PDB file of N, CA and C in Angstrom:
ATOM      1  N   MET A   1      -3.363 -48.398  22.584  1.00  0.00           N
ATOM      2  CA  MET A   1      -2.619 -47.495  22.319  1.00  0.00           C
ATOM      3  C   MET A   1      -1.949 -46.552  23.309  1.00  0.00           C
ATOM      4  N   SER A   2      -0.737 -46.256  23.551  1.00  0.00           N
ATOM      5  CA  SER A   2      -0.209 -44.730  24.456  1.00  0.00           C
ATOM      6  C   SER A   2      -0.063 -43.847  23.847  1.00  0.00           C
ATOM      7  N   SER A   3      -0.241 -42.928  24.241  1.00  0.00           N
ATOM      8  CA  SER A   3      -0.063 -42.019  23.741  1.00  0.00           C
ATOM      9  C   SER A   3       1.121 -40.656  24.599  1.00  0.00           C
ATOM     10  N   LYS A   4       1.884 -40.302  23.792  1.00  0.00           N
ATOM     11  CA  LYS A   4       2.959 -39.354  24.150  1.00  0.00           C
ATOM     12  C   LYS A   4       2.472 -38.267  24.119  1.00  0.00           C
ATOM     13  N   ARG A   5       3.199 -37.593  25.466  1.00  0.00           N
ATOM     14  CA  ARG A   5       3.029 -35.905  25.143  1.00  0.00           C
ATOM     15  C   ARG A   5       3.667 -35.421  24.002  1.00  0.00           C
ATOM     16  N   ARG A   6       3.438 -34.623  23.526  1.00  0.00           N
ATOM     17  CA  ARG A   6       4.774 -33.827  22.651  1.00  0.00           C
ATOM     18  C   ARG A   6       5.057 -32.363  22.996  1.00  0.00           C
ATOM     19  N   ARG A   7       5.694 -32.129  22.577  1.00  0.00           N
ATOM     20  CA  ARG A   7       6.346 -30.988  22.856  1.00  0.00           C
ATOM     21  C   ARG A   7       5.790 -29.737  21.342  1.00  0.00           C
ATOM     22  N   LYS A   8       5.944 -28.728  21.302  1.00  0.00           N
ATOM     23  CA  LYS A   8       5.939 -27.530  20.715  1.00  0.00           C
ATOM     24  C   LYS A   8       7.452 -27.599  20.077  1.00  0.00           C
ATOM     25  N   PRO A   9       7.247 -27.638  18.747  1.00  0.00           N
ATOM     26  CA  PRO A   9       8.002 -27.196  17.989  1.00  0.00           C
ATOM     27  C   PRO A   9       9.440 -25.904  18.607  1.00  0.00           C
ATOM     28  N   GLY A  10      10.133 -26.209  18.746  1.00  0.00           N
ATOM     29  CA  GLY A  10      11.296 -25.317  19.216  1.00  0.00           C
ATOM     30  C   GLY A  10      11.783 -25.041  20.887  1.00  0.00           C
ATOM     31  N   ALA A  11      10.561 -26.205  21.658  1.00  0.00           N
ATOM     32  CA  ALA A  11      10.438 -26.031  22.946  1.00  0.00           C
ATOM     33  C   ALA A  11      11.793 -26.775  23.835  1.00  0.00           C
ATOM     34  N   LYS A  12      12.041 -26.515  24.661  1.00  0.00           N
ATOM     35  CA  LYS A  12      13.155 -26.895  25.256  1.00  0.00           C
ATOM     36  C   LYS A  12      13.037 -27.104  26.484  1.00  0.00           C
ATOM     37  N   GLY A  13      13.406 -27.905  27.432  1.00  0.00           N
ATOM     38  CA  GLY A  13      13.069 -28.840  28.711  1.00  0.00           C
ATOM     39  C   GLY A  13      13.783 -27.907  29.631  1.00  0.00           C
ATOM     40  N   GLY A  14      13.792 -27.354  30.875  1.00  0.00           N
ATOM     41  CA  GLY A  14      14.722 -26.728  31.610  1.00  0.00           C
ATOM     42  C   GLY A  14      14.241 -25.010  31.726  1.00  0.00           C
ATOM     43  N   GLY A  15      13.203 -24.620  31.255  1.00  0.00           N
ATOM     44  CA  GLY A  15      12.756 -23.488  31.777  1.00  0.00           C
ATOM     45  C   GLY A  15      12.279 -22.749  30.736  1.00  0.00           C
ATOM     46  N   ASN A  16      11.891 -21.343  30.560  1.00  0.00           N
ATOM     47  CA  ASN A  16      11.771 -20.140  29.432  1.00  0.00           C
ATOM     48  C   ASN A  16      12.745 -19.737  29.500  1.00  0.00           C
ATOM     49  N   GLN A  17      13.599 -19.952  27.939  1.00  0.00           N
ATOM     50  CA  GLN A  17      15.219 -19.008  28.241  1.00  0.00           C
ATOM     51  C   GLN A  17      15.173 -19.072  26.670  1.00  0.00           C
ATOM     52  N   GLN A  18      14.195 -17.896  26.627  1.00  0.00           N
ATOM     53  CA  GLN A  18      14.247 -17.875  25.198  1.00  0.00           C
ATOM     54  C   GLN A  18      15.289 -16.380  24.481  1.00  0.00           C
ATOM     55  N   LYS A  19      15.981 -16.530  23.045  1.00  0.00           N
ATOM     56  CA  LYS A  19      16.158 -15.243  22.849  1.00  0.00           C
ATOM     57  C   LYS A  19      15.345 -14.271  22.292  1.00  0.00           C
ATOM     58  N   GLN A  20      15.538 -12.568  23.234  1.00  0.00           N
ATOM     59  CA  GLN A  20      14.796 -11.855  22.755  1.00  0.00           C
ATOM     60  C   GLN A  20      14.929 -11.544  21.702  1.00  0.00           C
ATOM     61  N   PRO A  21      14.152 -10.796  20.596  1.00  0.00           N
ATOM     62  CA  PRO A  21      14.181 -10.635  19.182  1.00  0.00           C
ATOM     63  C   PRO A  21      15.107  -8.727  19.638  1.00  0.00           C
ATOM     64  N   GLU A  22      15.665  -8.884  18.542  1.00  0.00           N
ATOM     65  CA  GLU A  22      15.972  -7.419  18.087  1.00  0.00           C
ATOM     66  C   GLU A  22      15.138  -6.481  18.381  1.00  0.00           C
ATOM     67  N   VAL A  23      15.308  -4.948  18.688  1.00  0.00           N
ATOM     68  CA  VAL A  23      14.410  -4.081  19.061  1.00  0.00           C
ATOM     69  C   VAL A  23      14.575  -3.335  17.708  1.00  0.00           C
ATOM     70  N   ARG A  24      13.744  -3.071  16.859  1.00  0.00           N
ATOM     71  CA  ARG A  24      14.094  -2.061  16.091  1.00  0.00           C
ATOM     72  C   ARG A  24      12.568  -1.231  15.854  1.00  0.00           C
ATOM     73  N   ASP A  25      13.236   0.145  15.119  1.00  0.00           N
ATOM     74  CA  ASP A  25      12.074   0.897  15.027  1.00  0.00           C
ATOM     75  C   ASP A  25      11.130   0.607  14.259  1.00  0.00           C
ATOM     76  N   PHE A  26      10.162   0.848  14.215  1.00  0.00           N
ATOM     77  CA  PHE A  26       9.071   0.676  13.041  1.00  0.00           C
ATOM     78  C   PHE A  26       9.653   0.909  11.867  1.00  0.00           C
ATOM     79  N   TRP A  27       9.368   2.180  11.730  1.00  0.00           N
ATOM     80  CA  TRP A  27       9.551   2.604  10.440  1.00  0.00           C
ATOM     81  C   TRP A  27      10.798   2.540   9.719  1.00  0.00           C
ATOM     82  N   GLY A  28      11.798   1.993  10.176  1.00  0.00           N
ATOM     83  CA  GLY A  28      13.007   1.262   9.699  1.00  0.00           C
ATOM     84  C   GLY A  28      14.151   2.717   9.996  1.00  0.00           C
ATOM     85  N   GLU A  29      15.135   2.875   9.042  1.00  0.00           N
ATOM     86  CA  GLU A  29      16.241   4.052   9.191  1.00  0.00           C
ATOM     87  C   GLU A  29      15.688   5.561   9.092  1.00  0.00           C
ATOM     88  N   GLU A  30      16.361   6.301   9.367  1.00  0.00           N
ATOM     89  CA  GLU A  30      15.482   7.724   9.033  1.00  0.00           C
ATOM     90  C   GLU A  30      16.143   8.565   7.881  1.00  0.00           C
ATOM     91  N   PHE A  31      14.997   9.055   7.430  1.00  0.00           N
ATOM     92  CA  PHE A  31      14.996   9.516   5.805  1.00  0.00           C
ATOM     93  C   PHE A  31      15.716  10.725   6.184  1.00  0.00           C
ATOM     94  N   ASP A  32      16.254  10.748   4.855  1.00  0.00           N
ATOM     95  CA  ASP A  32      17.475  12.023   4.840  1.00  0.00           C
ATOM     96  C   ASP A  32      17.053  12.570   3.023  1.00  0.00           C
ATOM     97  N   ALA A  33      16.276  14.118   3.706  1.00  0.00           N
ATOM     98  CA  ALA A  33      15.729  14.506   2.751  1.00  0.00           C
ATOM     99  C   ALA A  33      17.143  14.923   1.389  1.00  0.00           C
ATOM    100  N   GLU A  34      18.184  15.519   1.792  1.00  0.00           N
ATOM    101  CA  GLU A  34      19.063  15.622   0.878  1.00  0.00           C
ATOM    102  C   GLU A  34      19.486  14.720  -0.017  1.00  0.00           C
ATOM    103  N   LEU A  35      19.270  13.153   0.525  1.00  0.00           N
ATOM    104  CA  LEU A  35      19.791  12.119  -0.371  1.00  0.00           C
ATOM    105  C   LEU A  35      18.681  11.895  -1.233  1.00  0.00           C
ATOM    106  N   ILE A  36      17.570  11.746  -0.861  1.00  0.00           N
ATOM    107  CA  ILE A  36      16.286  11.781  -1.881  1.00  0.00           C
ATOM    108  C   ILE A  36      15.537  13.068  -1.676  1.00  0.00           C
ATOM    109  N   PRO A  37      15.600  13.628  -2.913  1.00  0.00           N
ATOM    110  CA  PRO A  37      15.017  14.980  -3.274  1.00  0.00           C
ATOM    111  C   PRO A  37      13.585  14.538  -3.243  1.00  0.00           C
ATOM    112  N   LEU A  38      12.849  14.989  -2.603  1.00  0.00           N
ATOM    113  CA  LEU A  38      10.802  15.205  -2.600  1.00  0.00           C
ATOM    114  C   LEU A  38      10.455  16.015  -3.679  1.00  0.00           C
ATOM    115  N   ARG A  39       9.726  15.376  -4.947  1.00  0.00           N
ATOM    116  CA  ARG A  39       9.142  16.079  -6.289  1.00  0.00           C
ATOM    117  C   ARG A  39       7.208  16.077  -5.429  1.00  0.00           C
ATOM    118  N   PRO A  40       7.582  17.260  -6.261  1.00  0.00           N
ATOM    119  CA  PRO A  40       5.997  17.140  -6.110  1.00  0.00           C
ATOM    120  C   PRO A  40       5.012  16.134  -6.717  1.00  0.00           C
ATOM    121  N   ILE A  41       3.585  16.343  -6.242  1.00  0.00           N
ATOM    122  CA  ILE A  41       2.783  15.734  -7.143  1.00  0.00           C
ATOM    123  C   ILE A  41       2.039  16.440  -7.872  1.00  0.00           C
ATOM    124  N   VAL A  42       1.697  15.878  -8.870  1.00  0.00           N
ATOM    125  CA  VAL A  42       0.678  16.524  -9.483  1.00  0.00           C
ATOM    126  C   VAL A  42      -0.592  15.734  -9.975  1.00  0.00           C
ATOM    127  N   PRO A  43      -1.916  16.234  -9.566  1.00  0.00           N
ATOM    128  CA  PRO A  43      -3.081  15.346  -9.946  1.00  0.00           C
ATOM    129  C   PRO A  43      -3.209  14.832 -11.103  1.00  0.00           C
ATOM    130  N   SER A  44      -3.735  13.873 -11.534  1.00  0.00           N
ATOM    131  CA  SER A  44      -3.952  12.904 -12.579  1.00  0.00           C
ATOM    132  C   SER A  44      -5.840  13.706 -13.088  1.00  0.00           C
ATOM    133  N   HIS A  45      -5.598  13.709 -14.389  1.00  0.00           N
ATOM    134  CA  HIS A  45      -6.500  14.405 -15.146  1.00  0.00           C
ATOM    135  C   HIS A  45      -7.928  13.021 -14.980  1.00  0.00           C
ATOM    136  N   ASP A  46      -7.105  11.846 -15.443  1.00  0.00           N
ATOM    137  CA  ASP A  46      -8.048  11.283 -15.514  1.00  0.00           C
ATOM    138  C   ASP A  46      -7.457  10.093 -14.658  1.00  0.00           C
ATOM    139  N   PRO A  47      -7.512   9.575 -13.257  1.00  0.00           N
ATOM    140  CA  PRO A  47      -6.850   8.843 -12.942  1.00  0.00           C
ATOM    141  C   PRO A  47      -6.910   7.273 -13.531  1.00  0.00           C
ATOM    142  N   SER A  48      -8.243   6.668 -14.566  1.00  0.00           N
ATOM    143  CA  SER A  48      -8.322   4.998 -14.611  1.00  0.00           C
ATOM    144  C   SER A  48      -7.674   5.072 -16.225  1.00  0.00           C
ATOM    145  N   THR A  49      -6.943   5.932 -16.524  1.00  0.00           N
ATOM    146  CA  THR A  49      -6.462   5.913 -17.949  1.00  0.00           C
ATOM    147  C   THR A  49      -5.418   4.490 -17.819  1.00  0.00           C
ATOM    148  N   MET A  50      -4.409   4.459 -16.861  1.00  0.00           N
ATOM    149  CA  MET A  50      -3.461   3.112 -17.374  1.00  0.00           C
ATOM    150  C   MET A  50      -4.140   1.845 -17.198  1.00  0.00           C
ATOM    151  N   VAL A  51      -5.560   1.793 -16.285  1.00  0.00           N
ATOM    152  CA  VAL A  51      -5.868   0.697 -16.089  1.00  0.00           C
ATOM    153  C   VAL A  51      -7.108   0.071 -17.531  1.00  0.00           C
ATOM    154  N   ARG A  52      -7.636   1.718 -17.969  1.00  0.00           N
ATOM    155  CA  ARG A  52      -8.467   1.292 -18.644  1.00  0.00           C
ATOM    156  C   ARG A  52      -7.737   0.666 -19.990  1.00  0.00           C
ATOM    157  N   SER A  53      -6.469   1.550 -20.302  1.00  0.00           N
ATOM    158  CA  SER A  53      -5.186   0.535 -21.214  1.00  0.00           C
ATOM    159  C   SER A  53      -5.091  -0.656 -21.425  1.00  0.00           C
ATOM    160  N   LEU A  54      -5.439  -1.217 -20.003  1.00  0.00           N
ATOM    161  CA  LEU A  54      -4.907  -2.674 -20.537  1.00  0.00           C
ATOM    162  C   LEU A  54      -6.620  -3.544 -20.675  1.00  0.00           C
ATOM    163  N   GLY A  55      -7.433  -2.922 -20.987  1.00  0.00           N
ATOM    164  CA  GLY A  55      -8.539  -3.148 -21.919  1.00  0.00           C
ATOM    165  C   GLY A  55      -9.756  -3.631 -20.997  1.00  0.00           C
ATOM    166  N   ALA A  56     -10.866  -3.871 -21.585  1.00  0.00           N
ATOM    167  CA  ALA A  56     -12.376  -4.171 -20.841  1.00  0.00           C
ATOM    168  C   ALA A  56     -11.876  -5.378 -19.630  1.00  0.00           C
ATOM    169  N   PRO A  57     -12.612  -5.608 -18.625  1.00  0.00           N
ATOM    170  CA  PRO A  57     -12.593  -6.713 -17.511  1.00  0.00           C
ATOM    171  C   PRO A  57     -13.355  -8.002 -18.278  1.00  0.00           C
ATOM    172  N   PRO A  58     -12.755  -8.957 -17.785  1.00  0.00           N
ATOM    173  CA  PRO A  58     -13.188 -10.216 -18.593  1.00  0.00           C
ATOM    174  C   PRO A  58     -14.643 -10.635 -17.626  1.00  0.00           C
ATOM    175  N   LEU A  59     -15.548  -9.445 -17.673  1.00  0.00           N
ATOM    176  CA  LEU A  59     -17.133 -10.131 -17.100  1.00  0.00           C
ATOM    177  C   LEU A  59     -18.339 -10.429 -17.648  1.00  0.00           C
ATOM    178  N   GLY A  60     -17.984 -10.633 -18.915  1.00  0.00           N
ATOM    179  CA  GLY A  60     -18.665 -10.661 -19.676  1.00  0.00           C
ATOM    180  C   GLY A  60     -19.722  -9.357 -20.082  1.00  0.00           C
ATOM    181  N   ALA A  61     -20.963 -10.026 -19.448  1.00  0.00           N
ATOM    182  CA  ALA A  61     -22.422  -8.838 -19.943  1.00  0.00           C
ATOM    183  C   ALA A  61     -22.083  -8.072 -19.063  1.00  0.00           C
ATOM    184  N   ARG A  62     -21.016  -7.743 -17.698  1.00  0.00           N
ATOM    185  CA  ARG A  62     -21.388  -6.675 -16.954  1.00  0.00           C
ATOM    186  C   ARG A  62     -19.953  -5.921 -17.177  1.00  0.00           C
ATOM    187  N   ASP A  63     -19.251  -5.677 -18.745  1.00  0.00           N
ATOM    188  CA  ASP A  63     -18.421  -5.113 -18.509  1.00  0.00           C
ATOM    189  C   ASP A  63     -18.284  -3.595 -18.265  1.00  0.00           C
ATOM    190  N   ALA A  64     -19.601  -3.361 -18.464  1.00  0.00           N
ATOM    191  CA  ALA A  64     -19.907  -1.664 -18.210  1.00  0.00           C
ATOM    192  C   ALA A  64     -19.843  -1.073 -17.056  1.00  0.00           C
ATOM    193  N   ALA A  65     -21.055  -2.208 -16.199  1.00  0.00           N
ATOM    194  CA  ALA A  65     -20.896  -1.440 -14.987  1.00  0.00           C
ATOM    195  C   ALA A  65     -19.949  -1.831 -14.348  1.00  0.00           C
ATOM    196  N   ALA A  66     -19.017  -2.591 -14.579  1.00  0.00           N
ATOM    197  CA  ALA A  66     -17.767  -3.030 -14.179  1.00  0.00           C
ATOM    198  C   ALA A  66     -16.817  -1.596 -13.953  1.00  0.00           C
ATOM    199  N   GLU A  67     -17.074  -1.233 -15.453  1.00  0.00           N
ATOM    200  CA  GLU A  67     -15.777  -0.376 -15.710  1.00  0.00           C
ATOM    201  C   GLU A  67     -16.474   0.665 -15.095  1.00  0.00           C
ATOM    202  N   HIS A  68     -17.397   1.440 -14.753  1.00  0.00           N
ATOM    203  CA  HIS A  68     -18.135   2.134 -14.278  1.00  0.00           C
ATOM    204  C   HIS A  68     -17.549   2.265 -13.049  1.00  0.00           C
ATOM    205  N   TYR A  69     -17.722   1.154 -11.591  1.00  0.00           N
ATOM    206  CA  TYR A  69     -17.628   0.781 -10.513  1.00  0.00           C
ATOM    207  C   TYR A  69     -16.113   1.084 -10.554  1.00  0.00           C
ATOM    208  N   PHE A  70     -15.171   0.455 -11.131  1.00  0.00           N
ATOM    209  CA  PHE A  70     -13.953   0.469 -11.232  1.00  0.00           C
ATOM    210  C   PHE A  70     -13.539   1.707 -10.884  1.00  0.00           C
ATOM    211  N   ALA A  71     -13.832   2.662 -12.296  1.00  0.00           N
ATOM    212  CA  ALA A  71     -13.617   4.454 -12.340  1.00  0.00           C
ATOM    213  C   ALA A  71     -13.965   4.997 -10.891  1.00  0.00           C
ATOM    214  N   ALA A  72     -15.054   5.070 -10.325  1.00  0.00           N
ATOM    215  CA  ALA A  72     -15.312   5.365  -9.168  1.00  0.00           C
ATOM    216  C   ALA A  72     -14.298   4.989  -7.752  1.00  0.00           C
ATOM    217  N   VAL A  73     -13.698   3.873  -8.153  1.00  0.00           N
ATOM    218  CA  VAL A  73     -12.702   3.254  -6.871  1.00  0.00           C
ATOM    219  C   VAL A  73     -11.750   4.049  -7.522  1.00  0.00           C
ATOM    220  N   TYR A  74     -10.692   4.159  -8.277  1.00  0.00           N
ATOM    221  CA  TYR A  74      -9.744   5.147  -8.992  1.00  0.00           C
ATOM    222  C   TYR A  74      -9.794   6.483  -8.586  1.00  0.00           C
ATOM    223  N   ASP A  75     -10.996   6.499  -8.880  1.00  0.00           N
ATOM    224  CA  ASP A  75     -11.275   8.636  -8.292  1.00  0.00           C
ATOM    225  C   ASP A  75     -11.212   8.507  -7.009  1.00  0.00           C
ATOM    226  N   ARG A  76     -11.774   7.647  -6.460  1.00  0.00           N
ATOM    227  CA  ARG A  76     -12.223   7.918  -4.640  1.00  0.00           C
ATOM    228  C   ARG A  76     -10.663   7.577  -4.209  1.00  0.00           C
ATOM    229  N   ALA A  77      -9.832   7.051  -4.733  1.00  0.00           N
ATOM    230  CA  ALA A  77      -8.209   6.808  -5.007  1.00  0.00           C
ATOM    231  C   ALA A  77      -7.520   7.593  -4.760  1.00  0.00           C
ATOM    232  N   THR A  78      -7.580   8.021  -5.715  1.00  0.00           N
ATOM    233  CA  THR A  78      -7.112   9.648  -6.161  1.00  0.00           C
ATOM    234  C   THR A  78      -6.957  11.139  -5.467  1.00  0.00           C
ATOM    235  N   GLY A  79      -8.435  10.576  -4.880  1.00  0.00           N
ATOM    236  CA  GLY A  79      -8.673  12.188  -3.989  1.00  0.00           C
ATOM    237  C   GLY A  79      -8.383  11.537  -2.732  1.00  0.00           C
ATOM    238  N   LEU A  80      -7.868  10.746  -2.261  1.00  0.00           N
ATOM    239  CA  LEU A  80      -7.422  10.070  -0.820  1.00  0.00           C
ATOM    240  C   LEU A  80      -6.116  10.362  -0.697  1.00  0.00           C
ATOM    241  N   ALA A  81      -5.101   9.936  -1.926  1.00  0.00           N
ATOM    242  CA  ALA A  81      -3.825  10.502  -2.295  1.00  0.00           C
ATOM    243  C   ALA A  81      -3.992  11.492  -2.501  1.00  0.00           C
ATOM    244  N   MET A  82      -4.363  12.612  -3.126  1.00  0.00           N
ATOM    245  CA  MET A  82      -4.158  13.827  -3.022  1.00  0.00           C
ATOM    246  C   MET A  82      -4.214  14.727  -1.784  1.00  0.00           C
ATOM    247  N   ALA A  83      -5.386  14.216  -1.091  1.00  0.00           N
ATOM    248  CA  ALA A  83      -5.444  14.974   0.395  1.00  0.00           C
ATOM    249  C   ALA A  83      -4.302  14.155   1.080  1.00  0.00           C
ATOM    250  N   LEU A  84      -3.660  13.546   1.351  1.00  0.00           N
ATOM    251  CA  LEU A  84      -2.711  12.730   1.750  1.00  0.00           C
ATOM    252  C   LEU A  84      -1.390  13.652   1.489  1.00  0.00           C
ATOM    253  N   ALA A  85      -1.034  13.933   0.258  1.00  0.00           N
ATOM    254  CA  ALA A  85      -0.050  14.697  -0.387  1.00  0.00           C
ATOM    255  C   ALA A  85      -0.222  16.285   0.289  1.00  0.00           C
ATOM    256  N   ALA A  86      -1.264  16.343   0.125  1.00  0.00           N
ATOM    257  CA  ALA A  86      -1.593  18.260   0.733  1.00  0.00           C
ATOM    258  C   ALA A  86      -1.090  18.262   2.028  1.00  0.00           C
ATOM    259  N   THR A  87      -1.389  17.321   3.102  1.00  0.00           N
ATOM    260  CA  THR A  87      -1.043  17.693   4.527  1.00  0.00           C
ATOM    261  C   THR A  87       0.219  17.561   4.500  1.00  0.00           C
ATOM    262  N   ALA A  88       1.066  16.807   3.154  1.00  0.00           N
ATOM    263  CA  ALA A  88       2.848  16.725   3.437  1.00  0.00           C
ATOM    264  C   ALA A  88       3.544  17.857   2.652  1.00  0.00           C
ATOM    265  N   ASP A  89       2.422  18.583   2.410  1.00  0.00           N
ATOM    266  CA  ASP A  89       2.552  19.704   1.190  1.00  0.00           C
ATOM    267  C   ASP A  89       3.924  19.479   0.370  1.00  0.00           C
ATOM    268  N   LEU A  90       2.877  18.395  -0.424  1.00  0.00           N
ATOM    269  CA  LEU A  90       3.963  18.020  -1.701  1.00  0.00           C
ATOM    270  C   LEU A  90       2.739  18.155  -3.067  1.00  0.00           C
ATOM    271  N   LEU A  91       1.781  18.726  -2.805  1.00  0.00           N
ATOM    272  CA  LEU A  91       0.854  18.837  -3.722  1.00  0.00           C
ATOM    273  C   LEU A  91       0.980  19.841  -4.829  1.00  0.00           C
ATOM    274  N   GLU A  92       1.135  19.517  -5.723  1.00  0.00           N
ATOM    275  CA  GLU A  92       1.490  21.013  -6.702  1.00  0.00           C
ATOM    276  C   GLU A  92       0.006  20.516  -8.142  1.00  0.00           C
ATOM    277  N   PHE A  93      -0.297  21.842  -8.475  1.00  0.00           N
ATOM    278  CA  PHE A  93      -1.325  21.768  -9.298  1.00  0.00           C
ATOM    279  C   PHE A  93      -0.570  22.558 -10.517  1.00  0.00           C
ATOM    280  N   GLU A  94      -0.819  21.903 -11.665  1.00  0.00           N
ATOM    281  CA  GLU A  94      -0.418  22.657 -13.115  1.00  0.00           C
ATOM    282  C   GLU A  94      -0.910  24.023 -13.363  1.00  0.00           C
ATOM    283  N   THR A  95      -0.301  24.928 -13.444  1.00  0.00           N
ATOM    284  CA  THR A  95      -0.910  26.250 -14.228  1.00  0.00           C
ATOM    285  C   THR A  95      -0.858  26.596 -15.490  1.00  0.00           C
ATOM    286  N   GLU A  96      -1.281  27.120 -15.910  1.00  0.00           N
ATOM    287  CA  GLU A  96      -1.984  27.050 -17.804  1.00  0.00           C
ATOM    288  C   GLU A  96      -1.083  28.814 -17.476  1.00  0.00           C
ATOM    289  N   GLU A  97      -0.233  28.740 -18.663  1.00  0.00           N
ATOM    290  CA  GLU A  97       0.309  30.158 -18.764  1.00  0.00           C
ATOM    291  C   GLU A  97       0.201  30.486 -19.998  1.00  0.00           C
TER     292      GLU A  97
END
């Protein structure tokens, strides 16, 4: 059996003449606040409400423990999101009148 040397897909003979990719800004186009107004973010009193509305997780005997840990993850994610919103001056608290 003879073995032939295989080329890599897309490789052309005669040098290394590859087309350079177009350079783009990582974040895309500039943001124009006048076109899309920013609305303040109000923290949720119960961040796991929406997920709980889907029903109990299908984990058999471990449902109660799983719901507890899921709620802890949702609370942590909400805390991090609120911290990020606060650094961007987008956080607003509801005031009782």
